N, C-alpha and C. Protein backbone atom coordinates (compact mmCIF):
# COMPACT_ATOMS: atom_id res chain seq x y z
N MET A 1 1.85 -5.35 5.07
CA MET A 1 1.21 -5.35 3.77
C MET A 1 1.24 -6.77 3.21
N THR A 2 0.12 -7.22 2.73
CA THR A 2 0.09 -8.54 2.10
C THR A 2 0.14 -8.38 0.59
N TYR A 3 0.70 -9.37 -0.05
CA TYR A 3 0.83 -9.37 -1.50
C TYR A 3 -0.04 -10.50 -2.06
N SER A 4 -0.89 -10.18 -3.01
CA SER A 4 -1.66 -11.20 -3.72
C SER A 4 -0.76 -11.77 -4.80
N ILE A 5 -0.69 -13.10 -4.86
CA ILE A 5 0.25 -13.75 -5.77
C ILE A 5 -0.38 -14.92 -6.50
N ILE A 6 0.27 -15.32 -7.57
CA ILE A 6 0.00 -16.59 -8.23
C ILE A 6 1.32 -17.34 -8.22
N LEU A 7 1.29 -18.50 -7.60
CA LEU A 7 2.47 -19.32 -7.41
C LEU A 7 2.48 -20.42 -8.46
N HIS A 8 3.55 -20.54 -9.21
CA HIS A 8 3.69 -21.56 -10.25
C HIS A 8 4.62 -22.64 -9.72
N ILE A 9 4.04 -23.80 -9.42
CA ILE A 9 4.75 -24.92 -8.81
C ILE A 9 5.06 -25.96 -9.88
N SER A 10 6.26 -26.52 -9.83
CA SER A 10 6.67 -27.55 -10.80
C SER A 10 5.71 -28.73 -10.79
N GLY A 11 5.14 -29.05 -11.96
CA GLY A 11 4.29 -30.21 -12.10
C GLY A 11 2.89 -30.08 -11.54
N GLU A 12 2.49 -28.90 -11.09
CA GLU A 12 1.16 -28.67 -10.51
C GLU A 12 0.50 -27.48 -11.19
N ALA A 13 -0.80 -27.35 -10.97
CA ALA A 13 -1.53 -26.18 -11.45
C ALA A 13 -1.14 -24.96 -10.62
N SER A 14 -1.32 -23.78 -11.17
CA SER A 14 -1.00 -22.54 -10.46
C SER A 14 -1.87 -22.40 -9.22
N VAL A 15 -1.30 -21.76 -8.20
CA VAL A 15 -1.99 -21.55 -6.92
C VAL A 15 -2.05 -20.06 -6.63
N ALA A 16 -3.24 -19.57 -6.31
CA ALA A 16 -3.40 -18.18 -5.89
C ALA A 16 -3.32 -18.13 -4.38
N GLY A 17 -2.92 -16.99 -3.84
CA GLY A 17 -2.84 -16.83 -2.39
C GLY A 17 -2.27 -15.49 -2.04
N GLU A 18 -1.90 -15.35 -0.77
CA GLU A 18 -1.32 -14.10 -0.29
C GLU A 18 -0.02 -14.41 0.45
N LEU A 19 0.90 -13.44 0.39
CA LEU A 19 2.16 -13.51 1.13
C LEU A 19 2.22 -12.34 2.09
N ALA A 20 2.71 -12.57 3.29
CA ALA A 20 2.91 -11.48 4.24
C ALA A 20 4.09 -10.62 3.81
N GLU A 21 5.12 -11.25 3.26
CA GLU A 21 6.27 -10.51 2.73
C GLU A 21 6.86 -11.31 1.57
N LEU A 22 7.53 -10.62 0.70
CA LEU A 22 8.14 -11.28 -0.46
C LEU A 22 9.34 -12.10 0.00
N PRO A 23 9.59 -13.25 -0.66
CA PRO A 23 10.73 -14.08 -0.25
C PRO A 23 12.06 -13.39 -0.53
N LYS A 24 12.99 -13.67 0.35
CA LYS A 24 14.35 -13.13 0.20
C LYS A 24 15.21 -14.17 -0.52
N PRO A 25 16.32 -13.76 -1.09
CA PRO A 25 17.19 -14.72 -1.79
C PRO A 25 17.71 -15.84 -0.90
N THR A 26 17.74 -15.63 0.40
CA THR A 26 18.26 -16.65 1.32
C THR A 26 17.18 -17.60 1.85
N ASP A 27 15.90 -17.35 1.53
CA ASP A 27 14.81 -18.20 2.04
C ASP A 27 14.84 -19.58 1.39
N ASN A 28 14.46 -20.59 2.18
CA ASN A 28 14.38 -21.96 1.69
C ASN A 28 12.95 -22.41 1.44
N PHE A 29 12.00 -21.66 1.97
CA PHE A 29 10.59 -21.99 1.80
C PHE A 29 9.77 -20.72 1.72
N ILE A 30 8.52 -20.87 1.31
CA ILE A 30 7.60 -19.74 1.19
C ILE A 30 6.29 -20.12 1.88
N VAL A 31 5.73 -19.19 2.65
CA VAL A 31 4.48 -19.41 3.37
C VAL A 31 3.36 -18.67 2.63
N VAL A 32 2.41 -19.44 2.11
CA VAL A 32 1.29 -18.87 1.35
C VAL A 32 0.03 -18.95 2.20
N MET A 33 -0.64 -17.83 2.38
CA MET A 33 -1.90 -17.79 3.13
C MET A 33 -3.08 -17.93 2.17
N ASN A 34 -4.13 -18.59 2.62
CA ASN A 34 -5.35 -18.80 1.85
C ASN A 34 -5.08 -19.39 0.46
N PRO A 35 -4.39 -20.52 0.39
CA PRO A 35 -4.10 -21.12 -0.92
C PRO A 35 -5.38 -21.62 -1.59
N ARG A 36 -5.48 -21.38 -2.90
CA ARG A 36 -6.66 -21.77 -3.67
C ARG A 36 -6.29 -21.82 -5.14
N GLN A 37 -7.19 -22.37 -5.95
CA GLN A 37 -6.99 -22.32 -7.39
C GLN A 37 -7.20 -20.88 -7.85
N LYS A 38 -6.76 -20.57 -9.05
CA LYS A 38 -6.91 -19.21 -9.57
C LYS A 38 -8.37 -18.79 -9.66
N ASP A 39 -9.30 -19.75 -9.84
CA ASP A 39 -10.71 -19.41 -9.92
C ASP A 39 -11.39 -19.38 -8.55
N GLY A 40 -10.62 -19.53 -7.47
CA GLY A 40 -11.15 -19.43 -6.12
C GLY A 40 -11.56 -20.75 -5.48
N LYS A 41 -11.54 -21.84 -6.22
CA LYS A 41 -11.93 -23.14 -5.69
C LYS A 41 -10.81 -23.72 -4.82
N ASP A 42 -11.20 -24.67 -3.94
CA ASP A 42 -10.22 -25.34 -3.08
C ASP A 42 -9.27 -26.19 -3.91
N LEU A 43 -8.06 -26.34 -3.41
CA LEU A 43 -7.08 -27.24 -4.03
C LEU A 43 -7.40 -28.66 -3.58
N HIS A 44 -7.42 -29.61 -4.50
CA HIS A 44 -7.84 -30.97 -4.18
C HIS A 44 -6.88 -31.69 -3.24
N TYR A 45 -5.62 -31.27 -3.17
CA TYR A 45 -4.64 -31.94 -2.34
C TYR A 45 -4.40 -31.27 -0.99
N ILE A 46 -5.21 -30.25 -0.67
CA ILE A 46 -5.11 -29.56 0.61
C ILE A 46 -6.48 -29.59 1.28
N GLU A 47 -6.51 -29.84 2.58
CA GLU A 47 -7.77 -29.86 3.32
C GLU A 47 -8.46 -28.49 3.24
N SER A 48 -9.78 -28.49 3.31
CA SER A 48 -10.55 -27.26 3.11
C SER A 48 -10.37 -26.23 4.23
N ASN A 49 -9.95 -26.65 5.43
CA ASN A 49 -9.81 -25.71 6.54
C ASN A 49 -8.38 -25.18 6.72
N VAL A 50 -7.49 -25.47 5.79
CA VAL A 50 -6.10 -25.01 5.86
C VAL A 50 -6.04 -23.53 5.48
N VAL A 51 -5.30 -22.74 6.28
CA VAL A 51 -5.18 -21.31 5.98
C VAL A 51 -3.76 -20.90 5.56
N LYS A 52 -2.76 -21.73 5.87
CA LYS A 52 -1.38 -21.45 5.45
C LYS A 52 -0.72 -22.74 4.99
N VAL A 53 0.09 -22.62 3.94
CA VAL A 53 0.85 -23.76 3.43
C VAL A 53 2.29 -23.30 3.23
N ILE A 54 3.22 -24.18 3.56
CA ILE A 54 4.64 -23.91 3.38
C ILE A 54 5.14 -24.75 2.21
N TRP A 55 5.67 -24.07 1.17
CA TRP A 55 6.24 -24.77 0.02
C TRP A 55 7.74 -24.53 -0.02
N PRO A 56 8.52 -25.54 -0.36
CA PRO A 56 9.96 -25.33 -0.53
C PRO A 56 10.23 -24.52 -1.80
N ILE A 57 11.16 -23.62 -1.72
CA ILE A 57 11.50 -22.75 -2.85
C ILE A 57 11.93 -23.56 -4.07
N ASN A 58 12.59 -24.70 -3.87
CA ASN A 58 13.09 -25.46 -5.03
C ASN A 58 11.97 -26.09 -5.85
N LYS A 59 10.73 -26.09 -5.38
CA LYS A 59 9.59 -26.60 -6.13
C LYS A 59 8.88 -25.50 -6.92
N ILE A 60 9.29 -24.25 -6.74
CA ILE A 60 8.60 -23.12 -7.35
C ILE A 60 9.34 -22.65 -8.60
N ASN A 61 8.59 -22.55 -9.71
CA ASN A 61 9.18 -22.03 -10.95
C ASN A 61 9.29 -20.52 -10.90
N PHE A 62 8.18 -19.86 -10.60
CA PHE A 62 8.18 -18.41 -10.45
C PHE A 62 6.93 -17.96 -9.72
N ILE A 63 6.93 -16.68 -9.29
CA ILE A 63 5.82 -16.10 -8.55
C ILE A 63 5.37 -14.84 -9.27
N GLU A 64 4.06 -14.75 -9.52
CA GLU A 64 3.49 -13.52 -10.08
C GLU A 64 2.91 -12.71 -8.93
N ILE A 65 3.22 -11.42 -8.90
CA ILE A 65 2.69 -10.52 -7.87
C ILE A 65 1.62 -9.67 -8.52
N LEU A 66 0.41 -9.75 -7.98
CA LEU A 66 -0.74 -9.05 -8.56
C LEU A 66 -0.92 -7.67 -7.94
N GLU A 67 -1.64 -6.81 -8.66
CA GLU A 67 -1.96 -5.49 -8.14
C GLU A 67 -2.90 -5.61 -6.96
N ASN A 68 -2.73 -4.73 -5.98
CA ASN A 68 -3.67 -4.66 -4.88
C ASN A 68 -4.82 -3.75 -5.28
N ALA A 69 -5.95 -3.89 -4.62
CA ALA A 69 -7.12 -3.05 -4.90
C ALA A 69 -6.79 -1.58 -4.69
N GLU A 70 -5.94 -1.27 -3.70
CA GLU A 70 -5.56 0.11 -3.43
C GLU A 70 -4.79 0.71 -4.60
N GLU A 71 -3.93 -0.08 -5.22
CA GLU A 71 -3.15 0.41 -6.35
C GLU A 71 -4.03 0.66 -7.56
N GLU A 72 -5.13 -0.09 -7.71
CA GLU A 72 -6.02 0.09 -8.84
C GLU A 72 -6.77 1.41 -8.77
N LYS A 73 -6.91 1.99 -7.57
CA LYS A 73 -7.63 3.25 -7.39
C LYS A 73 -6.81 4.46 -7.81
N ILE A 74 -5.49 4.29 -7.93
CA ILE A 74 -4.62 5.38 -8.31
C ILE A 74 -4.83 5.72 -9.78
N ILE A 75 -5.07 6.98 -10.06
CA ILE A 75 -5.27 7.43 -11.44
C ILE A 75 -3.93 7.84 -12.01
N GLY A 76 -3.55 7.18 -13.08
CA GLY A 76 -2.25 7.45 -13.68
C GLY A 76 -2.27 8.53 -14.74
N PHE A 77 -3.39 8.67 -15.44
CA PHE A 77 -3.46 9.65 -16.51
C PHE A 77 -4.89 10.15 -16.61
N VAL A 78 -5.04 11.46 -16.66
CA VAL A 78 -6.37 12.07 -16.76
C VAL A 78 -6.39 12.96 -17.97
N ARG A 79 -7.39 12.78 -18.80
CA ARG A 79 -7.52 13.60 -20.00
C ARG A 79 -8.70 14.55 -19.81
N GLU A 80 -8.48 15.82 -20.06
CA GLU A 80 -9.56 16.79 -19.90
C GLU A 80 -10.19 17.15 -21.21
């Protein structure tokens, strides 16, 4: 299962991407697939054909985990 995320890096703009698995407390780095700006544009400091980037955990402020499309289809409350 992949997780759609927004990565908040110290001193940089937020980065959207996907994670194969959530980082563990013992991890020293994080591997982000398909890194891009939140609006879908390429990051100016990464080549356009890059598909994975490794960031050190100590450069990351926090990670937002977004809902998957499958989770959005679940109906939580139905009113008749």
